[in-house]
PDB file of all heavy atoms in Angstrom:
ATOM      1  N   LEU A   1     190.060-216.826 114.581  1.00  0.00           N
ATOM      2  CA  LEU A   1     190.940-215.802 115.158  1.00  0.00           C
ATOM      3  C   LEU A   1     192.236-216.430 115.654  1.00  0.00           C
ATOM      4  O   LEU A   1     192.254-217.570 116.122  1.00  0.00           O
ATOM      5  CB  LEU A   1     190.234-215.091 116.313  1.00  0.00           C
ATOM      6  CG  LEU A   1     189.017-214.231 115.961  1.00  0.00           C
ATOM      7  CD1 LEU A   1     188.448-213.589 117.219  1.00  0.00           C
ATOM      8  CD2 LEU A   1     189.368-213.158 114.941  1.00  0.00           C
ATOM      9  N   ARG A   2     193.316-215.673 115.591  1.00  0.00           N
ATOM     10  CA  ARG A   2     194.621-216.199 116.003  1.00  0.00           C
ATOM     11  C   ARG A   2     194.638-216.609 117.464  1.00  0.00           C
ATOM     12  O   ARG A   2     195.336-217.557 117.848  1.00  0.00           O
ATOM     13  CB  ARG A   2     195.722-215.158 115.730  1.00  0.00           C
ATOM     14  CG  ARG A   2     195.995-214.972 114.255  1.00  0.00           C
ATOM     15  CD  ARG A   2     197.210-214.110 114.016  1.00  0.00           C
ATOM     16  NE  ARG A   2     196.984-212.720 114.362  1.00  0.00           N
ATOM     17  CZ  ARG A   2     197.852-211.736 114.094  1.00  0.00           C
ATOM     18  NH1 ARG A   2     199.001-212.010 113.493  1.00  0.00           N
ATOM     19  NH2 ARG A   2     197.584-210.492 114.422  1.00  0.00           N
ATOM     20  N   LEU A   3     193.870-215.916 118.307  1.00  0.00           N
ATOM     21  CA  LEU A   3     193.824-216.265 119.725  1.00  0.00           C
ATOM     22  C   LEU A   3     193.235-217.648 119.962  1.00  0.00           C
ATOM     23  O   LEU A   3     193.482-218.256 121.003  1.00  0.00           O
ATOM     24  CB  LEU A   3     192.998-215.223 120.490  1.00  0.00           C
ATOM     25  CG  LEU A   3     193.631-213.846 120.666  1.00  0.00           C
ATOM     26  CD1 LEU A   3     192.616-212.888 121.284  1.00  0.00           C
ATOM     27  CD2 LEU A   3     194.875-213.920 121.527  1.00  0.00           C
ATOM     28  N   PHE A   4     192.452-218.137 118.992  1.00  0.00           N
ATOM     29  CA  PHE A   4     191.766-219.416 119.159  1.00  0.00           C
ATOM     30  C   PHE A   4     192.464-220.558 118.426  1.00  0.00           C
ATOM     31  O   PHE A   4     191.930-221.667 118.360  1.00  0.00           O
ATOM     32  CB  PHE A   4     190.322-219.304 118.668  1.00  0.00           C
ATOM     33  CG  PHE A   4     189.513-218.238 119.361  1.00  0.00           C
ATOM     34  CD1 PHE A   4     188.400-217.695 118.751  1.00  0.00           C
ATOM     35  CD2 PHE A   4     189.874-217.771 120.614  1.00  0.00           C
ATOM     36  CE1 PHE A   4     187.635-216.710 119.392  1.00  0.00           C
ATOM     37  CE2 PHE A   4     189.130-216.779 121.256  1.00  0.00           C
ATOM     38  CZ  PHE A   4     188.019-216.255 120.640  1.00  0.00           C
ATOM     39  N   ARG A   5     193.636-220.291 117.875  1.00  0.00           N
ATOM     40  CA  ARG A   5     194.380-221.317 117.142  1.00  0.00           C
ATOM     41  C   ARG A   5     195.736-221.522 117.793  1.00  0.00           C
ATOM     42  O   ARG A   5     196.256-220.634 118.471  1.00  0.00           O
ATOM     43  CB  ARG A   5     194.567-220.898 115.677  1.00  0.00           C
ATOM     44  CG  ARG A   5     193.282-220.600 114.921  1.00  0.00           C
ATOM     45  CD  ARG A   5     193.509-220.637 113.396  1.00  0.00           C
ATOM     46  NE  ARG A   5     194.659-219.876 112.979  1.00  0.00           N
ATOM     47  CZ  ARG A   5     194.638-218.625 112.532  1.00  0.00           C
ATOM     48  NH1 ARG A   5     193.497-217.965 112.471  1.00  0.00           N
ATOM     49  NH2 ARG A   5     195.728-218.005 112.144  1.00  0.00           N
ATOM     50  N   PRO A   6     196.343-222.688 117.601  1.00  0.00           N
ATOM     51  CA  PRO A   6     197.695-222.894 118.128  1.00  0.00           C
ATOM     52  C   PRO A   6     198.646-221.853 117.528  1.00  0.00           C
ATOM     53  O   PRO A   6     198.476-221.463 116.369  1.00  0.00           O
ATOM     54  CB  PRO A   6     198.057-224.314 117.640  1.00  0.00           C
ATOM     55  CG  PRO A   6     196.731-224.965 117.394  1.00  0.00           C
ATOM     56  CD  PRO A   6     195.828-223.877 116.905  1.00  0.00           C
ATOM     57  N   PRO A   7     199.643-221.417 118.296  1.00  0.00           N
ATOM     58  CA  PRO A   7     199.979-221.858 119.659  1.00  0.00           C
ATOM     59  C   PRO A   7     199.326-221.020 120.754  1.00  0.00           C
ATOM     60  O   PRO A   7     199.596-221.234 121.931  1.00  0.00           O
ATOM     61  CB  PRO A   7     201.494-221.648 119.691  1.00  0.00           C
ATOM     62  CG  PRO A   7     201.696-220.427 118.845  1.00  0.00           C
ATOM     63  CD  PRO A   7     200.670-220.506 117.731  1.00  0.00           C
ATOM     64  N   LEU A   8     198.446-220.072 120.377  1.00  0.00           N
ATOM     65  CA  LEU A   8     197.915-219.134 121.363  1.00  0.00           C
ATOM     66  C   LEU A   8     196.710-219.664 122.130  1.00  0.00           C
ATOM     67  O   LEU A   8     196.424-219.200 123.234  1.00  0.00           O
ATOM     68  CB  LEU A   8     197.522-217.811 120.670  1.00  0.00           C
ATOM     69  CG  LEU A   8     198.646-217.071 119.944  1.00  0.00           C
ATOM     70  CD1 LEU A   8     198.105-215.796 119.315  1.00  0.00           C
ATOM     71  CD2 LEU A   8     199.782-216.738 120.905  1.00  0.00           C
ATOM     72  N   ALA A   9     196.017-220.641 121.565  1.00  0.00           N
ATOM     73  CA  ALA A   9     194.728-221.065 122.133  1.00  0.00           C
ATOM     74  C   ALA A   9     194.844-221.497 123.585  1.00  0.00           C
ATOM     75  O   ALA A   9     193.979-221.160 124.420  1.00  0.00           O
ATOM     76  CB  ALA A   9     194.135-222.186 121.289  1.00  0.00           C
ATOM     77  N   ARG A  10     195.898-222.242 123.927  1.00  0.00           N
ATOM     78  CA  ARG A  10     195.980-222.805 125.282  1.00  0.00           C
ATOM     79  C   ARG A  10     196.292-221.754 126.345  1.00  0.00           C
ATOM     80  O   ARG A  10     196.214-222.063 127.533  1.00  0.00           O
ATOM     81  CB  ARG A  10     197.007-223.938 125.316  1.00  0.00           C
ATOM     82  CG  ARG A  10     196.566-225.133 124.509  1.00  0.00           C
ATOM     83  CD  ARG A  10     197.296-226.406 124.845  1.00  0.00           C
ATOM     84  NE  ARG A  10     196.740-227.530 124.102  1.00  0.00           N
ATOM     85  CZ  ARG A  10     195.674-228.216 124.466  1.00  0.00           C
ATOM     86  NH1 ARG A  10     195.043-227.898 125.589  1.00  0.00           N
ATOM     87  NH2 ARG A  10     195.213-229.216 123.733  1.00  0.00           N
ATOM     88  N   GLY A  11     196.623-220.557 125.950  1.00  0.00           N
ATOM     89  CA  GLY A  11     196.803-219.488 126.921  1.00  0.00           C
ATOM     90  C   GLY A  11     195.706-218.452 126.852  1.00  0.00           C
ATOM     91  O   GLY A  11     195.878-217.324 127.322  1.00  0.00           O
ATOM     92  N   THR A  12     194.563-218.832 126.249  1.00  0.00           N
ATOM     93  CA  THR A  12     193.461-217.893 126.034  1.00  0.00           C
ATOM     94  C   THR A  12     192.214-218.361 126.773  1.00  0.00           C
ATOM     95  O   THR A  12     191.909-219.550 126.807  1.00  0.00           O
ATOM     96  CB  THR A  12     193.155-217.762 124.530  1.00  0.00           C
ATOM     97  OG1 THR A  12     194.301-217.250 123.856  1.00  0.00           O
ATOM     98  CG2 THR A  12     191.978-216.826 124.283  1.00  0.00           C
ATOM     99  N   VAL A  13     191.506-217.406 127.355  1.00  0.00           N
ATOM    100  CA  VAL A  13     190.219-217.645 128.010  1.00  0.00           C
ATOM    101  C   VAL A  13     189.170-216.766 127.340  1.00  0.00           C
ATOM    102  O   VAL A  13     189.427-215.585 127.064  1.00  0.00           O
ATOM    103  CB  VAL A  13     190.292-217.306 129.511  1.00  0.00           C
ATOM    104  CG1 VAL A  13     188.898-217.289 130.132  1.00  0.00           C
ATOM    105  CG2 VAL A  13     191.185-218.290 130.247  1.00  0.00           C
ATOM    106  N   VAL A  14     188.013-217.314 127.077  1.00  0.00           N
ATOM    107  CA  VAL A  14     186.874-216.534 126.596  1.00  0.00           C
ATOM    108  C   VAL A  14     185.834-216.476 127.708  1.00  0.00           C
ATOM    109  O   VAL A  14     185.468-217.510 128.269  1.00  0.00           O
ATOM    110  CB  VAL A  14     186.267-217.131 125.319  1.00  0.00           C
ATOM    111  CG1 VAL A  14     185.047-216.303 124.882  1.00  0.00           C
ATOM    112  CG2 VAL A  14     187.296-217.166 124.195  1.00  0.00           C
ATOM    113  N   VAL A  15     185.401-215.266 128.015  1.00  0.00           N
ATOM    114  CA  VAL A  15     184.422-215.052 129.078  1.00  0.00           C
ATOM    115  C   VAL A  15     183.069-214.768 128.432  1.00  0.00           C
ATOM    116  O   VAL A  15     182.957-213.896 127.575  1.00  0.00           O
ATOM    117  CB  VAL A  15     184.839-213.878 129.967  1.00  0.00           C
ATOM    118  CG1 VAL A  15     183.858-213.693 131.103  1.00  0.00           C
ATOM    119  CG2 VAL A  15     186.250-214.093 130.512  1.00  0.00           C
ATOM    120  N   CYS A  16     182.055-215.499 128.845  1.00  0.00           N
ATOM    121  CA  CYS A  16     180.747-215.367 128.214  1.00  0.00           C
ATOM    122  C   CYS A  16     179.638-215.362 129.267  1.00  0.00           C
ATOM    123  O   CYS A  16     179.868-215.648 130.443  1.00  0.00           O
ATOM    124  CB  CYS A  16     180.517-216.496 127.212  1.00  0.00           C
ATOM    125  SG  CYS A  16     180.377-218.134 127.985  1.00  0.00           S
ATOM    126  N   ALA A  17     178.428-215.071 128.794  1.00  0.00           N
ATOM    127  CA  ALA A  17     177.255-215.141 129.658  1.00  0.00           C
ATOM    128  C   ALA A  17     176.868-216.596 129.884  1.00  0.00           C
ATOM    129  O   ALA A  17     177.228-217.483 129.106  1.00  0.00           O
ATOM    130  CB  ALA A  17     176.094-214.379 129.023  1.00  0.00           C
ATOM    131  N   ARG A  18     176.137-216.851 130.940  1.00  0.00           N
ATOM    132  CA  ARG A  18     175.716-218.216 131.247  1.00  0.00           C
ATOM    133  C   ARG A  18     174.808-218.797 130.180  1.00  0.00           C
ATOM    134  O   ARG A  18     174.702-220.024 130.043  1.00  0.00           O
ATOM    135  CB  ARG A  18     175.025-218.234 132.609  1.00  0.00           C
ATOM    136  CG  ARG A  18     176.009-218.044 133.764  1.00  0.00           C
ATOM    137  CD  ARG A  18     175.312-217.831 135.076  1.00  0.00           C
ATOM    138  NE  ARG A  18     176.275-217.782 136.183  1.00  0.00           N
ATOM    139  CZ  ARG A  18     175.996-217.286 137.387  1.00  0.00           C
ATOM    140  NH1 ARG A  18     174.776-216.836 137.656  1.00  0.00           N
ATOM    141  NH2 ARG A  18     176.923-217.274 138.321  1.00  0.00           N
ATOM    142  N   SER A  19     174.166-217.922 129.394  1.00  0.00           N
ATOM    143  CA  SER A  19     173.227-218.391 128.376  1.00  0.00           C
ATOM    144  C   SER A  19     173.887-218.616 127.017  1.00  0.00           C
ATOM    145  O   SER A  19     173.203-218.983 126.062  1.00  0.00           O
ATOM    146  CB  SER A  19     172.110-217.356 128.209  1.00  0.00           C
ATOM    147  OG  SER A  19     172.668-216.086 127.835  1.00  0.00           O
ATOM    148  N   ALA A  20     175.193-218.437 126.900  1.00  0.00           N
ATOM    149  CA  ALA A  20     175.876-218.559 125.609  1.00  0.00           C
ATOM    150  C   ALA A  20     175.827-220.000 125.098  1.00  0.00           C
ATOM    151  O   ALA A  20     175.631-220.956 125.854  1.00  0.00           O
ATOM    152  CB  ALA A  20     177.320-218.091 125.738  1.00  0.00           C
ATOM    153  N   SER A  21     176.060-220.146 123.803  1.00  0.00           N
ATOM    154  CA  SER A  21     175.936-221.429 123.114  1.00  0.00           C
ATOM    155  C   SER A  21     176.889-222.485 123.662  1.00  0.00           C
ATOM    156  O   SER A  21     178.096-222.274 123.744  1.00  0.00           O
ATOM    157  CB  SER A  21     176.211-221.217 121.623  1.00  0.00           C
ATOM    158  OG  SER A  21     176.465-222.433 120.971  1.00  0.00           O
ATOM    159  N   SER A  22     176.343-223.655 124.002  1.00  0.00           N
ATOM    160  CA  SER A  22     177.170-224.773 124.449  1.00  0.00           C
ATOM    161  C   SER A  22     177.968-225.343 123.281  1.00  0.00           C
ATOM    162  O   SER A  22     179.098-225.806 123.446  1.00  0.00           O
ATOM    163  CB  SER A  22     176.292-225.866 125.052  1.00  0.00           C
ATOM    164  OG  SER A  22     175.661-225.408 126.215  1.00  0.00           O
ATOM    165  N   ARG A  23     177.393-225.312 122.079  1.00  0.00           N
ATOM    166  CA  ARG A  23     178.129-225.799 120.906  1.00  0.00           C
ATOM    167  C   ARG A  23     179.371-224.953 120.665  1.00  0.00           C
ATOM    168  O   ARG A  23     180.448-225.493 120.380  1.00  0.00           O
ATOM    169  CB  ARG A  23     177.220-225.765 119.682  1.00  0.00           C
ATOM    170  CG  ARG A  23     177.967-226.074 118.388  1.00  0.00           C
ATOM    171  CD  ARG A  23     177.097-225.914 117.172  1.00  0.00           C
ATOM    172  NE  ARG A  23     176.271-227.092 116.956  1.00  0.00           N
ATOM    173  CZ  ARG A  23     175.473-227.255 115.893  1.00  0.00           C
ATOM    174  NH1 ARG A  23     175.393-226.294 114.984  1.00  0.00           N
ATOM    175  NH2 ARG A  23     174.776-228.349 115.749  1.00  0.00           N
ATOM    176  N   ALA A  24     179.239-223.641 120.761  1.00  0.00           N
ATOM    177  CA  ALA A  24     180.399-222.761 120.570  1.00  0.00           C
ATOM    178  C   ALA A  24     181.449-223.007 121.640  1.00  0.00           C
ATOM    179  O   ALA A  24     182.652-222.983 121.364  1.00  0.00           O
ATOM    180  CB  ALA A  24     179.948-221.304 120.588  1.00  0.00           C
ATOM    181  N   GLU A  25     181.007-223.275 122.861  1.00  0.00           N
ATOM    182  CA  GLU A  25     181.966-223.581 123.932  1.00  0.00           C
ATOM    183  C   GLU A  25     182.737-224.859 123.622  1.00  0.00           C
ATOM    184  O   GLU A  25     183.962-224.912 123.793  1.00  0.00           O
ATOM    185  CB  GLU A  25     181.244-223.726 125.262  1.00  0.00           C
ATOM    186  CG  GLU A  25     182.183-224.078 126.413  1.00  0.00           C
ATOM    187  CD  GLU A  25     181.494-224.192 127.751  1.00  0.00           C
ATOM    188  OE1 GLU A  25     180.276-223.950 127.815  1.00  0.00           O
ATOM    189  OE2 GLU A  25     182.173-224.520 128.739  1.00  0.00           O
ATOM    190  N   ARG A  26     182.056-225.872 123.148  1.00  0.00           N
ATOM    191  CA  ARG A  26     182.737-227.131 122.828  1.00  0.00           C
ATOM    192  C   ARG A  26     183.743-226.945 121.698  1.00  0.00           C
ATOM    193  O   ARG A  26     184.820-227.540 121.711  1.00  0.00           O
ATOM    194  CB  ARG A  26     181.701-228.202 122.463  1.00  0.00           C
ATOM    195  CG  ARG A  26     180.895-228.704 123.648  1.00  0.00           C
ATOM    196  CD  ARG A  26     180.121-229.957 123.286  1.00  0.00           C
ATOM    197  NE  ARG A  26     179.123-229.714 122.250  1.00  0.00           N
ATOM    198  CZ  ARG A  26     177.872-229.347 122.478  1.00  0.00           C
ATOM    199  NH1 ARG A  26     177.453-229.151 123.731  1.00  0.00           N
ATOM    200  NH2 ARG A  26     177.021-229.157 121.486  1.00  0.00           N
ATOM    201  N   ALA A  27     183.389-226.101 120.720  1.00  0.00           N
ATOM    202  CA  ALA A  27     184.303-225.852 119.597  1.00  0.00           C
ATOM    203  C   ALA A  27     185.570-225.156 120.078  1.00  0.00           C
ATOM    204  O   ALA A  27     186.682-225.495 119.650  1.00  0.00           O
ATOM    205  CB  ALA A  27     183.596-225.016 118.531  1.00  0.00           C
ATOM    206  N   LEU A  28     185.418-224.200 120.976  1.00  0.00           N
ATOM    207  CA  LEU A  28     186.589-223.514 121.527  1.00  0.00           C
ATOM    208  C   LEU A  28     187.426-224.469 122.371  1.00  0.00           C
ATOM    209  O   LEU A  28     188.655-224.488 122.284  1.00  0.00           O
ATOM    210  CB  LEU A  28     186.149-222.309 122.357  1.00  0.00           C
ATOM    211  CG  LEU A  28     185.605-221.116 121.578  1.00  0.00           C
ATOM    212  CD1 LEU A  28     184.946-220.114 122.525  1.00  0.00           C
ATOM    213  CD2 LEU A  28     186.716-220.445 120.778  1.00  0.00           C
ATOM    214  N   ALA A  29     186.747-225.259 123.204  1.00  0.00           N
ATOM    215  CA  ALA A  29     187.457-226.205 124.073  1.00  0.00           C
ATOM    216  C   ALA A  29     188.253-227.225 123.265  1.00  0.00           C
ATOM    217  O   ALA A  29     189.330-227.670 123.681  1.00  0.00           O
ATOM    218  CB  ALA A  29     186.468-226.919 124.991  1.00  0.00           C
ATOM    219  N   ALA A  30     187.757-227.569 122.080  1.00  0.00           N
ATOM    220  CA  ALA A  30     188.471-228.523 121.223  1.00  0.00           C
ATOM    221  C   ALA A  30     189.809-227.973 120.756  1.00  0.00           C
ATOM    222  O   ALA A  30     190.730-228.731 120.450  1.00  0.00           O
ATOM    223  CB  ALA A  30     187.600-228.883 120.022  1.00  0.00           C
ATOM    224  N   HIS A  31     189.917-226.646 120.710  1.00  0.00           N
ATOM    225  CA  HIS A  31     191.182-226.007 120.324  1.00  0.00           C
ATOM    226  C   HIS A  31     192.081-225.736 121.529  1.00  0.00           C
ATOM    227  O   HIS A  31     193.207-225.273 121.372  1.00  0.00           O
ATOM    228  CB  HIS A  31     190.905-224.680 119.611  1.00  0.00           C
ATOM    229  CG  HIS A  31     190.313-224.847 118.247  1.00  0.00           C
ATOM    230  ND1 HIS A  31     191.054-225.148 117.125  1.00  0.00           N
ATOM    231  CD2 HIS A  31     189.029-224.764 117.822  1.00  0.00           C
ATOM    232  CE1 HIS A  31     190.273-225.235 116.081  1.00  0.00           C
ATOM    233  NE2 HIS A  31     189.027-225.002 116.474  1.00  0.00           N
ATOM    234  N   GLY A  32     191.570-225.992 122.745  1.00  0.00           N
ATOM    235  CA  GLY A  32     192.351-225.730 123.951  1.00  0.00           C
ATOM    236  C   GLY A  32     192.028-224.424 124.637  1.00  0.00           C
ATOM    237  O   GLY A  32     192.660-224.070 125.631  1.00  0.00           O
ATOM    238  N   VAL A  33     191.023-223.697 124.123  1.00  0.00           N
ATOM    239  CA  VAL A  33     190.604-222.437 124.732  1.00  0.00           C
ATOM    240  C   VAL A  33     189.692-222.730 125.917  1.00  0.00           C
ATOM    241  O   VAL A  33     188.770-223.543 125.814  1.00  0.00           O
ATOM    242  CB  VAL A  33     189.865-221.545 123.711  1.00  0.00           C
ATOM    243  CG1 VAL A  33     189.350-220.267 124.367  1.00  0.00           C
ATOM    244  CG2 VAL A  33     190.772-221.216 122.531  1.00  0.00           C
ATOM    245  N   ARG A  34     189.949-222.073 127.045  1.00  0.00           N
ATOM    246  CA  ARG A  34     189.054-222.219 128.195  1.00  0.00           C
ATOM    247  C   ARG A  34     187.902-221.232 128.091  1.00  0.00           C
ATOM    248  O   ARG A  34     188.071-220.118 127.588  1.00  0.00           O
ATOM    249  CB  ARG A  34     189.815-221.965 129.497  1.00  0.00           C
ATOM    250  CG  ARG A  34     190.740-223.096 129.890  1.00  0.00           C
ATOM    251  CD  ARG A  34     191.344-222.853 131.262  1.00  0.00           C
ATOM    252  NE  ARG A  34     192.364-221.810 131.238  1.00  0.00           N
ATOM    253  CZ  ARG A  34     192.861-221.222 132.309  1.00  0.00           C
ATOM    254  NH1 ARG A  34     192.403-221.537 133.517  1.00  0.00           N
ATOM    255  NH2 ARG A  34     193.802-220.314 132.208  1.00  0.00           N
ATOM    256  N   VAL A  35     186.736-221.646 128.547  1.00  0.00           N
ATOM    257  CA  VAL A  35     185.546-220.790 128.548  1.00  0.00           C
ATOM    258  C   VAL A  35     185.050-220.643 129.978  1.00  0.00           C
ATOM    259  O   VAL A  35     184.852-221.637 130.672  1.00  0.00           O
ATOM    260  CB  VAL A  35     184.432-221.380 127.654  1.00  0.00           C
ATOM    261  CG1 VAL A  35     183.162-220.529 127.761  1.00  0.00           C
ATOM    262  CG2 VAL A  35     184.895-221.457 126.205  1.00  0.00           C
ATOM    263  N   TRP A  36     184.890-219.380 130.404  1.00  0.00           N
ATOM    264  CA  TRP A  36     184.356-219.092 131.729  1.00  0.00           C
ATOM    265  C   TRP A  36     182.983-218.455 131.560  1.00  0.00           C
ATOM    266  O   TRP A  36     182.842-217.413 130.907  1.00  0.00           O
ATOM    267  CB  TRP A  36     185.248-218.112 132.488  1.00  0.00           C
ATOM    268  CG  TRP A  36     186.601-218.640 132.838  1.00  0.00           C
ATOM    269  CD1 TRP A  36     187.056-219.919 132.759  1.00  0.00           C
ATOM    270  CD2 TRP A  36     187.704-217.862 133.340  1.00  0.00           C
ATOM    271  NE1 TRP A  36     188.350-220.008 133.178  1.00  0.00           N
ATOM    272  CE2 TRP A  36     188.778-218.755 133.548  1.00  0.00           C
ATOM    273  CE3 TRP A  36     187.882-216.521 133.641  1.00  0.00           C
ATOM    274  CZ2 TRP A  36     190.015-218.329 134.024  1.00  0.00           C
ATOM    275  CZ3 TRP A  36     189.109-216.083 134.117  1.00  0.00           C
ATOM    276  CH2 TRP A  36     190.167-216.992 134.321  1.00  0.00           C
ATOM    277  N   ARG A  37     181.977-219.056 132.164  1.00  0.00           N
ATOM    278  CA  ARG A  37     180.630-218.475 132.135  1.00  0.00           C
ATOM    279  C   ARG A  37     180.455-217.586 133.365  1.00  0.00           C
ATOM    280  O   ARG A  37     180.767-218.002 134.478  1.00  0.00           O
ATOM    281  CB  ARG A  37     179.575-219.573 132.087  1.00  0.00           C
ATOM    282  CG  ARG A  37     179.603-220.350 130.768  1.00  0.00           C
ATOM    283  CD  ARG A  37     178.530-221.407 130.697  1.00  0.00           C
ATOM    284  NE  ARG A  37     178.591-222.110 129.412  1.00  0.00           N
ATOM    285  CZ  ARG A  37     177.918-221.749 128.335  1.00  0.00           C
ATOM    286  NH1 ARG A  37     177.092-220.699 128.384  1.00  0.00           N
ATOM    287  NH2 ARG A  37     178.042-222.426 127.211  1.00  0.00           N
ATOM    288  N   MET A  38     179.930-216.389 133.129  1.00  0.00           N
ATOM    289  CA  MET A  38     179.812-215.377 134.181  1.00  0.00           C
ATOM    290  C   MET A  38     178.390-214.868 134.274  1.00  0.00           C
ATOM    291  O   MET A  38     177.633-214.917 133.303  1.00  0.00           O
ATOM    292  CB  MET A  38     180.745-214.192 133.879  1.00  0.00           C
ATOM    293  CG  MET A  38     182.207-214.504 133.890  1.00  0.00           C
ATOM    294  SD  MET A  38     182.812-214.609 135.590  1.00  0.00           S
ATOM    295  CE  MET A  38     184.303-215.566 135.314  1.00  0.00           C
ATOM    296  N   PRO A  39     178.013-214.320 135.434  1.00  0.00           N
ATOM    297  CA  PRO A  39     176.720-213.635 135.520  1.00  0.00           C
ATOM    298  C   PRO A  39     176.678-212.412 134.607  1.00  0.00           C
ATOM    299  O   PRO A  39     177.726-211.884 134.231  1.00  0.00           O
ATOM    300  CB  PRO A  39     176.619-213.219 136.988  1.00  0.00           C
ATOM    301  CG  PRO A  39     177.881-213.610 137.643  1.00  0.00           C
ATOM    302  CD  PRO A  39     178.748-214.334 136.685  1.00  0.00           C
ATOM    303  N   GLN A  40     175.488-211.992 134.256  1.00  0.00           N
ATOM    304  CA  GLN A  40     175.310-210.851 133.375  1.00  0.00           C
ATOM    305  C   GLN A  40     175.638-209.561 134.110  1.00  0.00           C
ATOM    306  O   GLN A  40     175.359-209.411 135.300  1.00  0.00           O
ATOM    307  CB  GLN A  40     173.869-210.793 132.863  1.00  0.00           C
ATOM    308  CG  GLN A  40     173.650-209.888 131.668  1.00  0.00           C
ATOM    309  CD  GLN A  40     174.192-210.466 130.373  1.00  0.00           C
ATOM    310  OE1 GLN A  40     174.467-211.668 130.301  1.00  0.00           O
ATOM    311  NE2 GLN A  40     174.356-209.631 129.361  1.00  0.00           N
ATOM    312  N   GLY A  41     176.255-208.640 133.389  1.00  0.00           N
ATOM    313  CA  GLY A  41     176.542-207.320 133.918  1.00  0.00           C
ATOM    314  C   GLY A  41     175.990-206.256 132.994  1.00  0.00           C
ATOM    315  O   GLY A  41     175.246-206.548 132.052  1.00  0.00           O
ATOM    316  N   ARG A  42     176.380-205.009 133.245  1.00  0.00           N
ATOM    317  CA  ARG A  42     175.908-203.892 132.422  1.00  0.00           C
ATOM    318  C   ARG A  42     176.505-203.978 131.016  1.00  0.00           C
ATOM    319  O   ARG A  42     177.694-203.785 130.823  1.00  0.00           O
ATOM    320  CB  ARG A  42     176.319-202.558 133.083  1.00  0.00           C
ATOM    321  CG  ARG A  42     175.881-201.307 132.361  1.00  0.00           C
ATOM    322  CD  ARG A  42     176.284-200.089 133.176  1.00  0.00           C
ATOM    323  NE  ARG A  42     175.933-198.832 132.517  1.00  0.00           N
ATOM    324  CZ  ARG A  42     176.768-198.144 131.756  1.00  0.00           C
ATOM    325  NH1 ARG A  42     177.996-198.592 131.555  1.00  0.00           N
ATOM    326  NH2 ARG A  42     176.386-197.011 131.197  1.00  0.00           N
ATOM    327  N   GLY A  43     175.670-204.361 130.046  1.00  0.00           N
ATOM    328  CA  GLY A  43     176.128-204.413 128.671  1.00  0.00           C
ATOM    329  C   GLY A  43     176.973-205.622 128.335  1.00  0.00           C
ATOM    330  O   GLY A  43     177.565-205.685 127.253  1.00  0.00           O
ATOM    331  N   GLY A  44     177.067-206.605 129.219  1.00  0.00           N
ATOM    332  CA  GLY A  44     177.893-207.787 128.963  1.00  0.00           C
ATOM    333  C   GLY A  44     178.026-208.621 130.206  1.00  0.00           C
ATOM    334  O   GLY A  44     177.126-208.664 131.046  1.00  0.00           O
TER     335      GLY A  44
END
């Protein structure tokens, strides 16, 4: 996705559940995307 590639990646945050894949987080972080893990809510 364009949000995850330069030049947009470093201004992008992905919010996920605490149980989300650590491998996927590392892949995003390698592009400069920040990942925030959050508690579960209604439907997300």
